[in-house]
């Protein structure tokens, strides 16, 4: 005669009546907390065409630099400008910008940062060369030009 009896047929059911409420709260939470930041491009761009293209593997390591004539020529003039993060900068400010972009990354990813230059096809090569020199001084060795696929007409 045992003192303990084995319980038989005990079933543990998970209450599912509150499940839709929980899912809705999670959905609402992520909708509110997620911020999709778009950069407002303030320069005109007609991106050059190319035939040999490669896609990026990790877009989180890419910082974009836009070069072109400002859309608001009355306010900014008609000379090509460099735009980063919704502001115009001079070529001498690129080193500071690169260091700020590297600070956003982890220590291991800082050497893997890629600078993507989206330059208008009518921008003079002198400005592009100045930008490249400043990127070298900032130790941003990986640089790419954003282009579009050349179509056969």
N, C-alpha and C. Protein backbone atom coordinates (compact mmCIF):
# COMPACT_ATOMS: atom_id res chain seq x y z
N UNK A 1 0.82 -1.15 0.00
CA UNK A 1 0.00 0.00 0.00
C UNK A 1 0.88 1.23 0.00
N UNK A 2 0.81 1.86 -1.07
CA UNK A 2 1.65 3.04 -1.21
C UNK A 2 0.92 4.29 -0.77
N UNK A 3 1.71 5.19 -0.30
CA UNK A 3 1.13 6.44 0.18
C UNK A 3 0.88 7.41 -0.97
N UNK A 4 1.61 7.21 -2.04
CA UNK A 4 1.48 8.12 -3.18
C UNK A 4 0.71 7.44 -4.28
N UNK A 5 -0.24 8.17 -4.80
CA UNK A 5 -1.00 7.64 -5.92
C UNK A 5 -0.57 8.38 -7.18
N UNK A 6 -0.47 7.67 -8.21
CA UNK A 6 -0.09 8.25 -9.48
C UNK A 6 -1.32 8.89 -10.11
N UNK A 7 -1.18 10.15 -10.48
CA UNK A 7 -2.30 10.82 -11.12
C UNK A 7 -2.38 10.34 -12.55
N UNK A 8 -3.53 10.12 -12.97
CA UNK A 8 -3.70 9.64 -14.34
C UNK A 8 -4.50 10.66 -15.15
N UNK A 9 -4.15 10.72 -16.39
CA UNK A 9 -4.85 11.57 -17.35
C UNK A 9 -4.89 13.04 -16.95
N UNK A 10 -3.75 13.57 -16.60
CA UNK A 10 -3.70 15.00 -16.33
C UNK A 10 -3.22 15.69 -17.60
N UNK A 11 -3.95 16.63 -18.06
CA UNK A 11 -3.57 17.35 -19.28
C UNK A 11 -3.41 18.83 -18.96
N UNK A 12 -2.32 19.36 -19.43
CA UNK A 12 -2.04 20.77 -19.22
C UNK A 12 -2.34 21.50 -20.53
N UNK A 13 -3.39 22.24 -20.58
CA UNK A 13 -3.75 22.97 -21.79
C UNK A 13 -3.27 24.41 -21.66
N UNK A 14 -2.78 24.91 -22.75
CA UNK A 14 -2.34 26.29 -22.80
C UNK A 14 -3.55 27.14 -23.17
N UNK A 15 -3.83 28.15 -22.37
CA UNK A 15 -4.98 28.99 -22.71
C UNK A 15 -4.68 29.83 -23.95
N UNK A 16 -5.50 29.71 -24.94
CA UNK A 16 -5.28 30.43 -26.19
C UNK A 16 -6.25 31.58 -26.39
N UNK A 17 -7.03 31.89 -25.42
CA UNK A 17 -8.01 32.96 -25.59
C UNK A 17 -7.33 34.33 -25.66
N UNK A 18 -6.20 34.50 -25.01
CA UNK A 18 -5.51 35.80 -25.01
C UNK A 18 -4.44 35.88 -26.10
N UNK A 19 -4.25 34.84 -26.87
CA UNK A 19 -3.20 34.81 -27.89
C UNK A 19 -3.36 35.90 -28.95
N UNK A 20 -4.52 36.15 -29.51
CA UNK A 20 -4.63 37.25 -30.49
C UNK A 20 -4.29 38.62 -29.89
N UNK A 21 -4.65 38.83 -28.64
CA UNK A 21 -4.32 40.10 -27.99
C UNK A 21 -2.81 40.26 -27.84
N UNK A 22 -2.14 39.19 -27.48
CA UNK A 22 -0.68 39.23 -27.31
C UNK A 22 0.00 39.51 -28.64
N UNK A 23 -0.45 38.83 -29.68
CA UNK A 23 0.13 39.03 -31.01
C UNK A 23 -0.09 40.46 -31.48
N UNK A 24 -1.28 40.99 -31.26
CA UNK A 24 -1.57 42.37 -31.65
C UNK A 24 -0.69 43.35 -30.89
N UNK A 25 -0.49 43.12 -29.60
CA UNK A 25 0.37 44.02 -28.82
C UNK A 25 1.81 43.98 -29.32
N UNK A 26 2.32 42.78 -29.65
CA UNK A 26 3.68 42.67 -30.18
C UNK A 26 3.80 43.38 -31.53
N UNK A 27 2.81 43.18 -32.38
CA UNK A 27 2.82 43.83 -33.69
C UNK A 27 2.80 45.35 -33.53
N UNK A 28 1.94 45.83 -32.67
CA UNK A 28 1.85 47.27 -32.43
C UNK A 28 3.15 47.81 -31.85
N UNK A 29 3.77 47.07 -30.93
CA UNK A 29 5.03 47.49 -30.32
C UNK A 29 6.12 47.66 -31.38
N UNK A 30 6.26 46.66 -32.26
CA UNK A 30 7.31 46.74 -33.27
C UNK A 30 7.02 47.80 -34.32
N UNK A 31 5.75 48.04 -34.60
CA UNK A 31 5.40 49.10 -35.55
C UNK A 31 5.76 50.47 -34.98
N UNK A 32 5.57 50.65 -33.69
CA UNK A 32 5.85 51.94 -33.07
C UNK A 32 7.34 52.16 -32.87
N UNK A 33 8.07 51.13 -32.50
CA UNK A 33 9.49 51.31 -32.17
C UNK A 33 10.42 51.27 -33.38
N UNK A 34 9.97 50.75 -34.50
CA UNK A 34 10.82 50.68 -35.67
C UNK A 34 10.82 52.02 -36.39
N UNK A 35 12.02 52.50 -36.67
CA UNK A 35 12.16 53.77 -37.37
C UNK A 35 12.85 53.49 -38.70
N UNK A 36 12.18 53.83 -39.77
CA UNK A 36 12.77 53.70 -41.09
C UNK A 36 13.27 55.07 -41.52
N UNK A 37 14.57 55.23 -41.53
CA UNK A 37 15.14 56.54 -41.85
C UNK A 37 15.53 56.58 -43.31
N UNK A 38 15.01 57.53 -43.99
CA UNK A 38 15.36 57.76 -45.38
C UNK A 38 16.14 59.06 -45.46
N UNK A 39 17.19 59.06 -46.23
CA UNK A 39 17.95 60.28 -46.43
C UNK A 39 17.29 61.08 -47.55
N UNK A 40 17.06 62.34 -47.29
CA UNK A 40 16.52 63.21 -48.32
C UNK A 40 17.68 63.68 -49.19
N UNK A 41 17.65 63.28 -50.44
CA UNK A 41 18.75 63.63 -51.34
C UNK A 41 18.49 65.02 -51.89
N UNK A 42 19.39 65.93 -51.59
CA UNK A 42 19.25 67.33 -52.00
C UNK A 42 20.10 67.69 -53.21
N UNK A 43 20.65 66.69 -53.88
CA UNK A 43 21.44 66.94 -55.09
C UNK A 43 20.81 66.20 -56.26
N UNK A 44 20.94 66.79 -57.43
CA UNK A 44 20.43 66.13 -58.64
C UNK A 44 21.38 65.00 -59.01
N UNK A 45 20.78 63.90 -59.43
CA UNK A 45 21.63 62.77 -59.78
C UNK A 45 21.11 62.07 -61.02
N UNK A 46 21.99 61.93 -61.95
CA UNK A 46 21.77 61.05 -63.08
C UNK A 46 22.92 60.05 -62.98
N UNK A 47 22.64 58.92 -62.39
CA UNK A 47 23.68 57.95 -62.06
C UNK A 47 24.23 57.34 -63.35
N UNK A 48 25.56 57.23 -63.48
CA UNK A 48 26.16 56.64 -64.67
C UNK A 48 25.77 55.18 -64.85
N UNK A 49 25.95 54.70 -66.07
CA UNK A 49 25.64 53.30 -66.38
C UNK A 49 26.94 52.50 -66.48
N UNK A 50 26.83 51.21 -66.19
CA UNK A 50 28.00 50.32 -66.28
C UNK A 50 27.54 48.93 -66.70
N UNK A 51 28.48 48.13 -67.17
CA UNK A 51 28.13 46.77 -67.60
C UNK A 51 28.52 45.73 -66.57
N UNK A 52 29.64 45.91 -65.89
CA UNK A 52 30.11 44.94 -64.90
C UNK A 52 29.69 45.41 -63.51
N UNK A 53 28.67 44.79 -62.95
CA UNK A 53 28.14 45.21 -61.65
C UNK A 53 28.26 44.07 -60.64
N UNK A 54 28.36 44.44 -59.37
CA UNK A 54 28.38 43.48 -58.27
C UNK A 54 27.45 43.98 -57.19
N UNK A 55 26.73 43.07 -56.56
CA UNK A 55 25.86 43.43 -55.44
C UNK A 55 26.65 43.38 -54.15
N UNK A 56 26.24 44.20 -53.20
CA UNK A 56 26.89 44.23 -51.90
C UNK A 56 26.43 43.06 -51.04
N UNK A 57 27.33 42.54 -50.22
CA UNK A 57 26.97 41.46 -49.32
C UNK A 57 26.33 41.98 -48.04
N UNK A 58 26.96 42.97 -47.41
CA UNK A 58 26.45 43.50 -46.14
C UNK A 58 26.21 45.00 -46.28
N UNK A 59 24.96 45.37 -46.46
CA UNK A 59 24.64 46.78 -46.64
C UNK A 59 24.72 47.57 -45.34
N UNK A 60 24.81 46.89 -44.22
CA UNK A 60 24.91 47.61 -42.94
C UNK A 60 26.27 48.28 -42.78
N UNK A 61 27.25 47.85 -43.56
CA UNK A 61 28.59 48.43 -43.47
C UNK A 61 28.83 49.51 -44.52
N UNK A 62 27.77 49.96 -45.19
CA UNK A 62 27.89 50.93 -46.27
C UNK A 62 27.41 52.29 -45.80
N UNK A 63 28.21 53.32 -46.06
CA UNK A 63 27.82 54.71 -45.82
C UNK A 63 27.78 55.42 -47.16
N UNK A 64 26.73 56.17 -47.38
CA UNK A 64 26.51 56.78 -48.69
C UNK A 64 26.95 58.24 -48.71
N UNK A 65 27.57 58.61 -49.82
CA UNK A 65 28.05 59.96 -50.05
C UNK A 65 27.50 60.38 -51.42
N UNK A 66 26.73 61.45 -51.47
CA UNK A 66 26.08 61.89 -52.70
C UNK A 66 26.80 63.12 -53.24
N UNK A 67 27.04 63.14 -54.55
CA UNK A 67 27.74 64.26 -55.18
C UNK A 67 26.93 64.69 -56.40
N UNK A 68 26.64 65.98 -56.47
CA UNK A 68 25.90 66.50 -57.61
C UNK A 68 25.53 67.94 -57.41
N UNK A 69 24.87 68.49 -58.41
CA UNK A 69 24.41 69.88 -58.34
C UNK A 69 23.21 69.95 -57.40
N UNK A 70 23.17 70.93 -56.51
CA UNK A 70 22.04 71.02 -55.56
C UNK A 70 20.71 71.23 -56.29
N UNK A 71 19.65 70.66 -55.74
CA UNK A 71 18.32 70.86 -56.32
C UNK A 71 17.87 72.30 -56.14
N UNK A 72 18.20 72.90 -55.01
CA UNK A 72 17.84 74.28 -54.74
C UNK A 72 19.03 75.17 -55.10
N UNK A 73 19.14 75.51 -56.39
CA UNK A 73 20.30 76.28 -56.84
C UNK A 73 20.25 77.73 -56.38
N UNK A 74 19.07 78.24 -56.06
CA UNK A 74 18.97 79.62 -55.58
C UNK A 74 19.65 79.74 -54.22
N UNK A 75 19.46 78.74 -53.37
CA UNK A 75 20.01 78.77 -52.03
C UNK A 75 21.47 78.32 -51.97
N UNK A 76 21.80 77.27 -52.73
CA UNK A 76 23.13 76.66 -52.61
C UNK A 76 24.06 76.92 -53.79
N UNK A 77 23.58 77.54 -54.86
CA UNK A 77 24.40 77.76 -56.03
C UNK A 77 24.32 76.58 -56.99
N UNK A 78 25.05 76.68 -58.09
CA UNK A 78 24.97 75.61 -59.09
C UNK A 78 26.24 74.78 -59.18
N UNK A 79 27.18 74.99 -58.28
CA UNK A 79 28.38 74.16 -58.23
C UNK A 79 28.05 72.82 -57.57
N UNK A 80 28.67 71.72 -58.02
CA UNK A 80 28.41 70.42 -57.39
C UNK A 80 28.75 70.43 -55.90
N UNK A 81 27.92 69.78 -55.11
CA UNK A 81 28.10 69.72 -53.65
C UNK A 81 28.19 68.26 -53.22
N UNK A 82 28.76 68.06 -52.03
CA UNK A 82 28.85 66.74 -51.41
C UNK A 82 27.81 66.70 -50.30
N UNK A 83 26.94 65.69 -50.35
CA UNK A 83 25.91 65.55 -49.32
C UNK A 83 26.10 64.23 -48.57
N UNK A 84 26.07 64.32 -47.24
CA UNK A 84 26.08 63.14 -46.38
C UNK A 84 25.07 63.37 -45.27
N UNK A 85 24.26 62.37 -44.99
CA UNK A 85 23.30 62.44 -43.87
C UNK A 85 22.49 63.73 -43.86
N UNK A 86 21.91 64.10 -44.98
CA UNK A 86 21.03 65.27 -45.11
C UNK A 86 21.72 66.62 -44.98
N UNK A 87 23.05 66.68 -44.98
CA UNK A 87 23.76 67.96 -44.90
C UNK A 87 24.83 68.01 -45.98
N UNK A 88 25.16 69.23 -46.39
CA UNK A 88 26.24 69.43 -47.34
C UNK A 88 27.54 69.62 -46.58
N UNK A 89 28.62 69.01 -47.10
CA UNK A 89 29.94 69.18 -46.48
C UNK A 89 30.95 69.54 -47.56
N UNK A 90 32.08 70.02 -47.12
CA UNK A 90 33.20 70.32 -48.01
C UNK A 90 34.12 69.09 -48.04
N UNK A 91 34.98 68.99 -49.06
CA UNK A 91 35.90 67.84 -49.10
C UNK A 91 36.78 67.71 -47.85
N UNK A 92 37.15 68.82 -47.22
CA UNK A 92 38.00 68.74 -46.03
C UNK A 92 37.27 68.14 -44.84
N UNK A 93 35.93 68.13 -44.86
CA UNK A 93 35.14 67.58 -43.75
C UNK A 93 34.89 66.08 -43.87
N UNK A 94 35.36 65.47 -44.95
CA UNK A 94 35.10 64.04 -45.18
C UNK A 94 35.79 63.19 -44.12
N UNK A 95 36.99 63.57 -43.69
CA UNK A 95 37.71 62.80 -42.68
C UNK A 95 36.91 62.72 -41.39
N UNK A 96 36.36 63.84 -40.96
CA UNK A 96 35.53 63.86 -39.76
C UNK A 96 34.27 63.02 -39.94
N UNK A 97 33.65 63.11 -41.11
CA UNK A 97 32.44 62.32 -41.38
C UNK A 97 32.74 60.82 -41.34
N UNK A 98 33.86 60.41 -41.94
CA UNK A 98 34.22 58.98 -41.94
C UNK A 98 34.46 58.50 -40.52
N UNK A 99 35.12 59.30 -39.70
CA UNK A 99 35.37 58.87 -38.32
C UNK A 99 34.05 58.75 -37.55
N UNK A 100 33.09 59.63 -37.81
CA UNK A 100 31.78 59.51 -37.16
C UNK A 100 31.04 58.26 -37.63
N UNK A 101 31.15 57.95 -38.91
CA UNK A 101 30.51 56.75 -39.44
C UNK A 101 31.16 55.49 -38.87
N UNK A 102 32.47 55.51 -38.70
CA UNK A 102 33.16 54.36 -38.11
C UNK A 102 32.79 54.19 -36.64
N UNK A 103 32.54 55.30 -35.94
CA UNK A 103 32.16 55.21 -34.53
C UNK A 103 30.81 54.54 -34.34
N UNK A 104 29.97 54.55 -35.37
CA UNK A 104 28.66 53.89 -35.28
C UNK A 104 28.78 52.37 -35.33
N UNK A 105 29.92 51.88 -35.82
CA UNK A 105 30.12 50.44 -35.99
C UNK A 105 30.87 49.85 -34.80
N UNK A 106 30.85 48.53 -34.73
CA UNK A 106 31.62 47.86 -33.68
C UNK A 106 33.11 47.91 -34.04
N UNK A 107 33.93 47.60 -33.08
CA UNK A 107 35.38 47.65 -33.27
C UNK A 107 35.83 46.72 -34.40
N UNK A 108 35.23 45.55 -34.49
CA UNK A 108 35.63 44.59 -35.52
C UNK A 108 35.19 45.01 -36.92
N UNK A 109 34.12 45.78 -37.01
CA UNK A 109 33.57 46.16 -38.32
C UNK A 109 34.15 47.46 -38.86
N UNK A 110 34.90 48.18 -38.07
CA UNK A 110 35.37 49.51 -38.49
C UNK A 110 36.27 49.47 -39.72
N UNK A 111 37.08 48.43 -39.85
CA UNK A 111 37.96 48.34 -41.01
C UNK A 111 37.23 47.84 -42.25
N UNK A 112 36.00 47.38 -42.07
CA UNK A 112 35.23 46.83 -43.19
C UNK A 112 34.24 47.83 -43.77
N UNK A 113 34.25 49.06 -43.29
CA UNK A 113 33.29 50.06 -43.77
C UNK A 113 33.54 50.33 -45.26
N UNK A 114 32.46 50.46 -46.00
CA UNK A 114 32.52 50.75 -47.42
C UNK A 114 31.83 52.09 -47.66
N UNK A 115 32.48 52.96 -48.38
CA UNK A 115 31.89 54.24 -48.74
C UNK A 115 31.34 54.12 -50.16
N UNK A 116 30.05 54.32 -50.31
CA UNK A 116 29.40 54.25 -51.62
C UNK A 116 29.18 55.67 -52.11
N UNK A 117 29.81 56.01 -53.22
CA UNK A 117 29.65 57.35 -53.77
C UNK A 117 28.62 57.30 -54.89
N UNK A 118 27.56 58.07 -54.71
CA UNK A 118 26.55 58.21 -55.75
C UNK A 118 26.77 59.58 -56.38
N UNK A 119 27.51 59.59 -57.46
CA UNK A 119 27.87 60.85 -58.11
C UNK A 119 27.10 61.01 -59.41
N UNK A 120 26.70 62.23 -59.68
CA UNK A 120 26.06 62.57 -60.94
C UNK A 120 27.06 62.35 -62.06
N UNK A 121 26.59 61.91 -63.22
CA UNK A 121 27.54 61.62 -64.29
C UNK A 121 28.16 62.89 -64.88
N UNK A 122 27.60 64.06 -64.59
CA UNK A 122 28.15 65.31 -65.10
C UNK A 122 29.11 65.99 -64.13
N UNK A 123 29.37 65.38 -62.96
CA UNK A 123 30.29 65.97 -61.99
C UNK A 123 31.71 65.85 -62.52
N UNK A 124 32.48 66.91 -62.36
CA UNK A 124 33.86 66.91 -62.85
C UNK A 124 34.72 65.95 -62.03
N UNK A 125 35.68 65.36 -62.70
CA UNK A 125 36.53 64.35 -62.06
C UNK A 125 37.41 64.96 -60.98
N UNK A 126 37.67 66.25 -61.01
CA UNK A 126 38.50 66.89 -59.99
C UNK A 126 37.89 66.77 -58.61
N UNK A 127 36.58 66.98 -58.50
CA UNK A 127 35.90 66.85 -57.21
C UNK A 127 35.90 65.41 -56.73
N UNK A 128 35.69 64.47 -57.66
CA UNK A 128 35.71 63.05 -57.30
C UNK A 128 37.10 62.65 -56.82
N UNK A 129 38.15 63.16 -57.47
CA UNK A 129 39.53 62.87 -57.04
C UNK A 129 39.81 63.45 -55.66
N UNK A 130 39.31 64.66 -55.40
CA UNK A 130 39.48 65.26 -54.07
C UNK A 130 38.81 64.41 -53.00
N UNK A 131 37.63 63.90 -53.30
CA UNK A 131 36.91 63.05 -52.35
C UNK A 131 37.70 61.77 -52.10
N UNK A 132 38.22 61.17 -53.17
CA UNK A 132 39.01 59.94 -53.02
C UNK A 132 40.25 60.18 -52.17
N UNK A 133 40.92 61.31 -52.36
CA UNK A 133 42.11 61.62 -51.55
C UNK A 133 41.74 61.77 -50.08
N UNK A 134 40.64 62.43 -49.79
CA UNK A 134 40.22 62.60 -48.40
C UNK A 134 39.82 61.25 -47.78
N UNK A 135 39.23 60.38 -48.58
CA UNK A 135 38.88 59.05 -48.07
C UNK A 135 40.14 58.24 -47.75
N UNK A 136 41.17 58.40 -48.56
CA UNK A 136 42.44 57.72 -48.27
C UNK A 136 43.04 58.24 -46.97
N UNK A 137 42.99 59.56 -46.78
CA UNK A 137 43.52 60.14 -45.55
C UNK A 137 42.73 59.68 -44.33
N UNK A 138 41.44 59.42 -44.52
CA UNK A 138 40.59 58.97 -43.41
C UNK A 138 40.69 57.46 -43.21
N UNK A 139 41.53 56.79 -44.00
CA UNK A 139 41.74 55.35 -43.92
C UNK A 139 40.45 54.58 -44.25
N UNK A 140 39.67 55.11 -45.16
CA UNK A 140 38.49 54.40 -45.68
C UNK A 140 38.91 53.81 -47.02
N UNK A 141 39.45 52.62 -46.98
CA UNK A 141 40.07 52.02 -48.16
C UNK A 141 39.07 51.38 -49.11
N UNK A 142 37.91 51.00 -48.61
CA UNK A 142 36.91 50.37 -49.47
C UNK A 142 35.94 51.44 -49.96
N UNK A 143 35.95 51.62 -51.26
CA UNK A 143 35.07 52.62 -51.85
C UNK A 143 34.46 52.05 -53.11
N UNK A 144 33.22 52.42 -53.36
CA UNK A 144 32.56 51.95 -54.57
C UNK A 144 31.74 53.08 -55.17
N UNK A 145 31.49 52.97 -56.45
CA UNK A 145 30.63 53.93 -57.13
C UNK A 145 29.30 53.26 -57.40
N UNK A 146 28.22 53.94 -57.07
CA UNK A 146 26.89 53.41 -57.34
C UNK A 146 26.53 53.75 -58.78
N UNK A 147 26.15 52.73 -59.52
CA UNK A 147 25.79 52.90 -60.93
C UNK A 147 24.53 52.09 -61.20
N UNK A 148 24.00 52.25 -62.39
CA UNK A 148 22.85 51.44 -62.80
C UNK A 148 23.26 50.56 -63.97
N UNK A 149 22.51 49.52 -64.18
CA UNK A 149 22.81 48.55 -65.24
C UNK A 149 22.65 49.22 -66.60
N UNK A 150 23.63 49.02 -67.46
CA UNK A 150 23.56 49.59 -68.80
C UNK A 150 22.62 48.73 -69.63
N UNK A 151 21.68 49.40 -70.26
CA UNK A 151 20.71 48.68 -71.09
C UNK A 151 21.13 48.77 -72.54
N UNK A 152 20.89 47.70 -73.26
CA UNK A 152 21.20 47.69 -74.69
C UNK A 152 20.06 48.35 -75.44
N UNK A 153 20.37 49.45 -76.10
CA UNK A 153 19.33 50.17 -76.85
C UNK A 153 19.37 49.82 -78.30
